[in-house]
Protein backbone atom coordinates (compact mmCIF):
# COMPACT_ATOMS: atom_id res chain seq x y z
CA UNK A 1 12.75 -4.75 5.01
CA UNK A 2 16.45 -5.10 4.23
CA UNK A 3 15.83 -8.50 2.66
CA UNK A 4 13.20 -7.37 0.18
CA UNK A 5 9.50 -8.10 0.52
CA UNK A 6 8.06 -8.36 4.00
CA UNK A 7 4.83 -10.29 4.50
CA UNK A 8 2.28 -8.54 6.69
CA UNK A 9 -1.02 -9.76 8.06
CA UNK A 10 -3.89 -9.27 5.64
CA UNK A 11 -5.62 -5.98 6.17
CA UNK A 12 -8.18 -4.05 4.20
CA UNK A 13 -6.41 -1.23 2.38
CA UNK A 14 -7.68 2.14 3.55
CA UNK A 15 -6.14 5.58 3.33
CA UNK A 16 -5.24 5.45 7.03
CA UNK A 17 -3.57 2.04 6.69
CA UNK A 18 -1.64 3.20 3.60
CA UNK A 19 -0.41 6.21 5.60
CA UNK A 20 0.71 3.88 8.42
CA UNK A 21 2.64 1.74 5.95
CA UNK A 22 4.31 4.78 4.42
CA UNK A 23 5.23 6.11 7.87
CA UNK A 24 6.74 2.71 8.73
CA UNK A 25 9.02 2.99 5.67
CA UNK A 26 7.15 0.90 3.12
CA UNK A 27 7.10 2.24 -0.44
CA UNK A 28 5.44 -0.56 -2.44
CA UNK A 29 2.60 -2.92 -1.75
CA UNK A 30 1.53 -6.09 -3.51
CA UNK A 31 -2.23 -6.19 -3.94
CA UNK A 32 -4.54 -8.84 -5.29
CA UNK A 33 -6.04 -8.12 -8.67
CA UNK A 34 -8.37 -11.00 -9.24
CA UNK A 35 -8.32 -14.66 -8.42
CA UNK A 36 -4.78 -15.95 -8.10
CA UNK A 37 -3.00 -12.85 -9.39
CA UNK A 38 -1.43 -9.82 -7.81
CA UNK A 39 0.34 -6.62 -8.81
CA UNK A 40 2.68 -4.12 -7.23
CA UNK A 41 1.55 -0.60 -6.50
CA UNK A 42 3.29 2.46 -5.11
CA UNK A 43 1.88 3.61 -1.78
CA UNK A 44 2.60 7.25 -2.67
CA UNK A 45 0.65 6.93 -5.94
CA UNK A 46 -2.24 5.22 -4.16
CA UNK A 47 -2.44 8.03 -1.62
CA UNK A 48 -2.21 10.76 -4.28
CA UNK A 49 -5.15 9.27 -6.14
CA UNK A 50 -7.28 8.57 -3.05
CA UNK A 51 -6.73 11.58 -0.83
CA UNK A 52 -9.03 14.54 -1.21
CA UNK A 53 -7.13 17.82 -1.47
CA UNK A 54 -7.76 20.31 1.33
CA UNK A 55 -9.84 23.29 0.25
């Protein structure tokens, strides 16, 4: 990652996979948002919005 973006194999984004990426040191991900376009998203923000708080 020292050179900037690192291309990974395509993988369906799940909470578990996002946790793996965060553990590996990734902080941002580029996700597709329609045909031919993409956007950047914070892994931490994704996890905060998706994870269910423990009760």
